Structure formats: structure tokens, C-alpha cells
Amino acid sequence: MEGEDTGVKYLIGKTAAVSGLAAGFVATHVATVFGLWFDGARLPTFDFNTLNGWLYLGFTRPPEVTFVVGGVIHYINGILFGLIFALVIHPMMGRALKPLAPMTPTVNYVKGLIWGWTLWIISSALWMPLLIGPLFGPGSVGPFLTSFGPNGVQALFTNLLWHTIYGLNLGLLFQPMSASGVRWKRAWAPGRQAGAE
């Protein structure tokens, strides 16, 4: 696990695990709020809290209980995917793809987006059709959400938007940097002239 003793510092916390957990929580929260507001942009509402509640409790519980229980499950999933990103995916991308090796804000942001898009593919191809589909009846979701109620393929792109928001926030908040601190050094300080050493 990366930490201060390895020459790496984090924007949040002192280890990759703590930083990944915090970034996963915030990314899940921001994307979840956006998903609940999508109908304001004439997109399908993506209420993963209620969907998870229905998945685990069925349709018999009051909506508030379904929303809260599903929300806890949904947030645990998002936090765990943030932890997997921080401990496995982020370092692996840096080793496997040379352009993604530097620890810079742009590279971390791109890695977060790639992870969000990967989760979108998993969600659209497997999670939604295999788990949510049977909940609403055979053929109600379809591969890659192609028959997801009256929304059809629009649900697929809304799911992409949701996971892009998640990946964007994860990549912005999980920011490993060199312990030398050069990357986040202030370019200008009060009382100092610009360009002066």
C-alpha cells in the first residue's frame, strides 16, 4: 500500500486506502445527487438508492425504508469501487500504460474517467440486465439497457453520464503526488513578484 514512507502524498488522507475511501464516498454522493436530478434535464432519473432497495427488499417495504436501505448498499458499493480504484486499478493503469504513469492531476483525472466508463460498461452489460431485469420482468431492461421502460437507449447514455460524473469526481479527489511537493507548489504567493525565484 502506498503511503508517506513511499514518497507519495495524497490530497485526502495519508494512505491510498484512506484517500480512495474518501474519494469513493464523495464521488458516489455527487453522482447520486445528479442522478436524482436528471429528470430536470429531461433525462431518466437514475435513483440507484431505490433500485438497490428494491433489489434487496422487494416492493413490499415503504418507499422511505427502500430508499435508505438501498442508499446504504449503493454507497457501500461506490466506496468499495473507490477503494479498488485506489489500491488496484490506479497503480495498474500506471504500470500497464506508459502515458498514464505520471502522478499528475490530468493523468489522475483521466484514470478516474476510464474507471468510471469501465463501471458503466459493467453496469450496462451485466448489473442492470442480470439483476434489475428480473425484478421488473423478463426483457424489461435488455442488453445495454436497450429496452429499459419508455426510455430505451436514452437510459444507456444517462447511465454513461452518471458513471462519467462518478469517475470525474473520483479522479479529481484521488490525487497521489510526489512527496517532494513540487506539483502542488504555489506559483504565486502574496508579497512575492511573479516570476521571481
Protein backbone atom coordinates (compact mmCIF):
# COMPACT_ATOMS: atom_id res chain seq x y z
CA MET A 1 0.00 0.00 0.00
CA GLU A 2 1.27 3.44 -0.85
CA GLY A 3 1.83 5.90 1.98
CA GLU A 4 4.03 8.72 3.15
CA ASP A 5 7.04 6.43 3.59
CA THR A 6 6.99 5.53 -0.14
CA GLY A 7 7.47 9.12 -1.28
CA VAL A 8 3.79 9.61 -2.16
CA LYS A 9 1.38 12.09 -0.61
CA TYR A 10 -2.36 12.30 -1.12
CA LEU A 11 -4.81 15.17 -1.38
CA ILE A 12 -7.02 13.43 1.21
CA GLY A 13 -5.56 11.25 3.97
CA LYS A 14 -2.11 9.76 4.39
CA THR A 15 -2.57 6.46 2.54
CA ALA A 16 -4.01 5.29 -0.74
CA ALA A 17 -6.72 3.37 1.14
CA VAL A 18 -7.97 6.37 3.13
CA SER A 19 -7.80 8.61 0.08
CA GLY A 20 -9.64 6.04 -2.05
CA LEU A 21 -12.37 5.56 0.57
CA ALA A 22 -12.94 9.31 0.92
CA ALA A 23 -12.85 9.92 -2.84
CA GLY A 24 -15.22 6.99 -3.41
CA PHE A 25 -17.70 8.38 -0.88
CA VAL A 26 -17.69 11.89 -2.34
CA ALA A 27 -17.81 10.65 -5.95
CA THR A 28 -20.76 8.37 -5.12
CA HIS A 29 -22.59 11.15 -3.33
CA VAL A 30 -22.15 13.73 -6.11
CA ALA A 31 -23.13 11.27 -8.85
CA THR A 32 -26.13 10.05 -6.82
CA VAL A 33 -27.44 13.58 -6.34
CA PHE A 34 -27.01 14.29 -10.05
CA GLY A 35 -28.82 11.02 -10.87
CA LEU A 36 -31.79 12.12 -8.79
CA TRP A 37 -31.85 15.47 -10.64
CA PHE A 38 -31.53 14.09 -14.18
CA ASP A 39 -35.26 14.47 -14.81
CA GLY A 40 -34.74 18.25 -14.66
CA ALA A 41 -32.70 17.88 -17.85
CA ARG A 42 -35.38 15.61 -19.39
CA LEU A 43 -33.28 12.51 -18.80
CA PRO A 44 -34.41 9.37 -16.98
CA THR A 45 -33.99 9.70 -13.22
CA PHE A 46 -31.24 7.39 -12.01
CA ASP A 47 -32.26 6.54 -8.46
CA PHE A 48 -29.75 3.83 -7.63
CA ASN A 49 -30.78 4.05 -3.96
CA THR A 50 -34.34 2.89 -4.67
CA LEU A 51 -33.18 0.35 -7.29
CA ASN A 52 -30.84 -1.25 -4.75
CA GLY A 53 -33.58 -1.14 -2.12
CA TRP A 54 -35.99 -2.95 -4.45
CA LEU A 55 -33.27 -5.47 -5.30
CA TYR A 56 -32.63 -6.35 -1.65
CA LEU A 57 -36.07 -5.73 -0.07
CA GLY A 58 -38.51 -6.23 -2.93
CA PHE A 59 -41.52 -3.98 -3.45
CA THR A 60 -43.21 -4.61 -0.09
CA ARG A 61 -41.47 -2.04 2.13
CA PRO A 62 -42.38 1.66 2.46
CA PRO A 63 -40.56 3.91 -0.06
CA GLU A 64 -38.54 5.64 2.66
CA VAL A 65 -37.19 2.35 4.01
CA THR A 66 -36.42 1.12 0.49
CA PHE A 67 -34.58 4.37 -0.33
CA VAL A 68 -32.49 4.37 2.87
CA VAL A 69 -31.56 0.67 2.83
CA GLY A 70 -30.80 0.82 -0.89
CA GLY A 71 -28.81 4.01 -0.34
CA VAL A 72 -26.61 2.36 2.28
CA ILE A 73 -25.94 -0.54 -0.10
CA HIS A 74 -25.35 1.83 -3.02
CA TYR A 75 -22.89 3.99 -1.05
CA ILE A 76 -21.00 0.91 0.18
CA ASN A 77 -20.67 -0.21 -3.47
CA GLY A 78 -19.40 3.23 -4.56
CA ILE A 79 -16.93 3.44 -1.67
CA LEU A 80 -15.62 -0.07 -2.36
CA PHE A 81 -15.20 0.73 -6.06
CA GLY A 82 -13.24 3.84 -4.98
CA LEU A 83 -11.02 1.66 -2.79
CA ILE A 84 -10.47 -0.84 -5.63
CA PHE A 85 -9.58 2.09 -7.88
CA ALA A 86 -7.05 3.47 -5.37
CA LEU A 87 -5.34 0.20 -4.44
CA VAL A 88 -5.51 -1.82 -7.66
CA ILE A 89 -6.72 -0.02 -10.78
CA HIS A 90 -4.89 3.33 -10.44
CA PRO A 91 -1.43 1.77 -9.90
CA MET A 92 -2.10 -0.94 -12.52
CA MET A 93 -3.02 1.64 -15.18
CA GLY A 94 0.21 3.48 -14.46
CA ARG A 95 2.25 0.32 -14.94
CA ALA A 96 0.36 -1.04 -17.96
CA LEU A 97 0.03 2.18 -19.97
CA LYS A 98 3.09 4.41 -20.13
CA PRO A 99 1.14 7.67 -20.78
CA LEU A 100 -0.77 7.03 -17.54
CA ALA A 101 2.37 6.57 -15.40
CA PRO A 102 2.98 10.18 -14.23
CA MET A 103 1.32 11.29 -10.99
CA THR A 104 -0.19 14.50 -12.33
CA PRO A 105 -3.69 15.91 -11.84
CA THR A 106 -4.54 15.39 -15.53
CA VAL A 107 -3.42 11.76 -15.53
CA ASN A 108 -5.29 11.06 -12.27
CA TYR A 109 -8.39 12.67 -13.77
CA VAL A 110 -8.12 10.53 -16.93
CA LYS A 111 -7.66 7.37 -14.82
CA GLY A 112 -10.81 8.25 -12.88
CA LEU A 113 -12.77 8.73 -16.10
CA ILE A 114 -11.52 5.42 -17.51
CA TRP A 115 -12.58 3.65 -14.30
CA GLY A 116 -16.00 5.34 -14.39
CA TRP A 117 -16.51 4.27 -18.01
CA THR A 118 -15.41 0.72 -17.16
CA LEU A 119 -18.01 0.62 -14.39
CA TRP A 120 -20.59 1.95 -16.89
CA ILE A 121 -19.90 -0.98 -19.22
CA ILE A 122 -20.16 -3.45 -16.33
CA SER A 123 -23.36 -1.79 -15.10
CA SER A 124 -24.99 -1.63 -18.52
CA ALA A 125 -23.90 -5.06 -19.78
CA LEU A 126 -24.18 -7.11 -16.60
CA TRP A 127 -25.52 -5.49 -13.44
CA MET A 128 -28.67 -3.84 -14.76
CA PRO A 129 -29.80 -6.60 -17.17
CA LEU A 130 -28.96 -9.53 -14.87
CA LEU A 131 -30.03 -8.14 -11.50
CA ILE A 132 -32.55 -5.39 -12.16
CA GLY A 133 -34.07 -7.03 -15.27
CA PRO A 134 -35.63 -9.99 -13.41
CA LEU A 135 -37.00 -7.59 -10.80
CA PHE A 136 -39.19 -5.89 -13.42
CA GLY A 137 -39.82 -8.99 -15.53
CA PRO A 138 -38.14 -10.71 -18.48
CA GLY A 139 -36.99 -8.38 -21.23
CA SER A 140 -37.69 -5.25 -19.18
CA VAL A 141 -34.09 -4.00 -19.27
CA GLY A 142 -32.38 -5.69 -22.21
CA PRO A 143 -28.68 -5.79 -23.01
CA PHE A 144 -27.09 -2.39 -22.52
CA LEU A 145 -30.45 -1.03 -21.27
CA THR A 146 -31.93 -1.06 -24.79
CA SER A 147 -35.45 -1.77 -23.55
CA PHE A 148 -35.38 -0.02 -20.17
CA GLY A 149 -39.01 1.07 -19.95
CA PRO A 150 -40.13 4.01 -22.08
CA ASN A 151 -36.61 5.50 -22.09
CA GLY A 152 -34.97 2.89 -24.30
CA VAL A 153 -31.45 3.75 -25.35
CA GLN A 154 -31.63 7.12 -23.56
CA ALA A 155 -31.18 5.17 -20.31
CA LEU A 156 -27.87 3.81 -21.63
CA PHE A 157 -26.48 7.31 -22.19
CA THR A 158 -27.87 8.55 -18.89
CA ASN A 159 -26.07 5.68 -17.19
CA LEU A 160 -22.91 6.76 -19.05
CA LEU A 161 -23.39 10.33 -17.77
CA TRP A 162 -23.86 9.06 -14.21
CA HIS A 163 -20.67 6.96 -14.32
CA THR A 164 -18.76 9.81 -16.00
CA ILE A 165 -19.70 12.08 -13.09
CA TYR A 166 -18.58 9.38 -10.65
CA GLY A 167 -15.24 8.83 -12.45
CA LEU A 168 -14.64 12.56 -12.84
CA ASN A 169 -15.04 13.18 -9.10
CA LEU A 170 -13.05 10.09 -8.17
CA GLY A 171 -10.17 11.17 -10.42
CA LEU A 172 -10.25 14.74 -9.12
CA LEU A 173 -10.19 13.70 -5.45
CA PHE A 174 -7.83 10.72 -5.55
CA GLN A 175 -4.65 12.67 -6.24
CA PRO A 176 -1.40 10.88 -5.37
CA MET A 177 1.61 13.16 -5.78
CA SER A 178 5.33 13.03 -5.25
CA ALA A 179 6.29 13.74 -1.64
CA SER A 180 8.64 16.45 -2.89
CA GLY A 181 5.50 18.59 -3.19
CA VAL A 182 6.67 20.25 -6.41
CA ARG A 183 3.40 19.51 -8.20
CA TRP A 184 1.16 21.44 -5.80
CA LYS A 185 3.62 24.26 -5.07
CA ARG A 186 2.02 27.68 -5.25
CA ALA A 187 3.02 29.54 -8.36
CA TRP A 188 2.45 32.90 -6.72
CA ALA A 189 2.46 33.95 -3.10
CA PRO A 190 1.36 37.31 -1.64
CA GLY A 191 4.28 39.70 -1.33
CA ARG A 192 6.28 37.88 -3.99
CA GLN A 193 6.62 39.15 -7.52
CA ALA A 194 5.52 36.86 -10.31
CA GLY A 195 8.50 35.16 -11.96
CA ALA A 196 10.86 35.89 -9.05
CA GLU A 197 12.71 32.91 -7.55
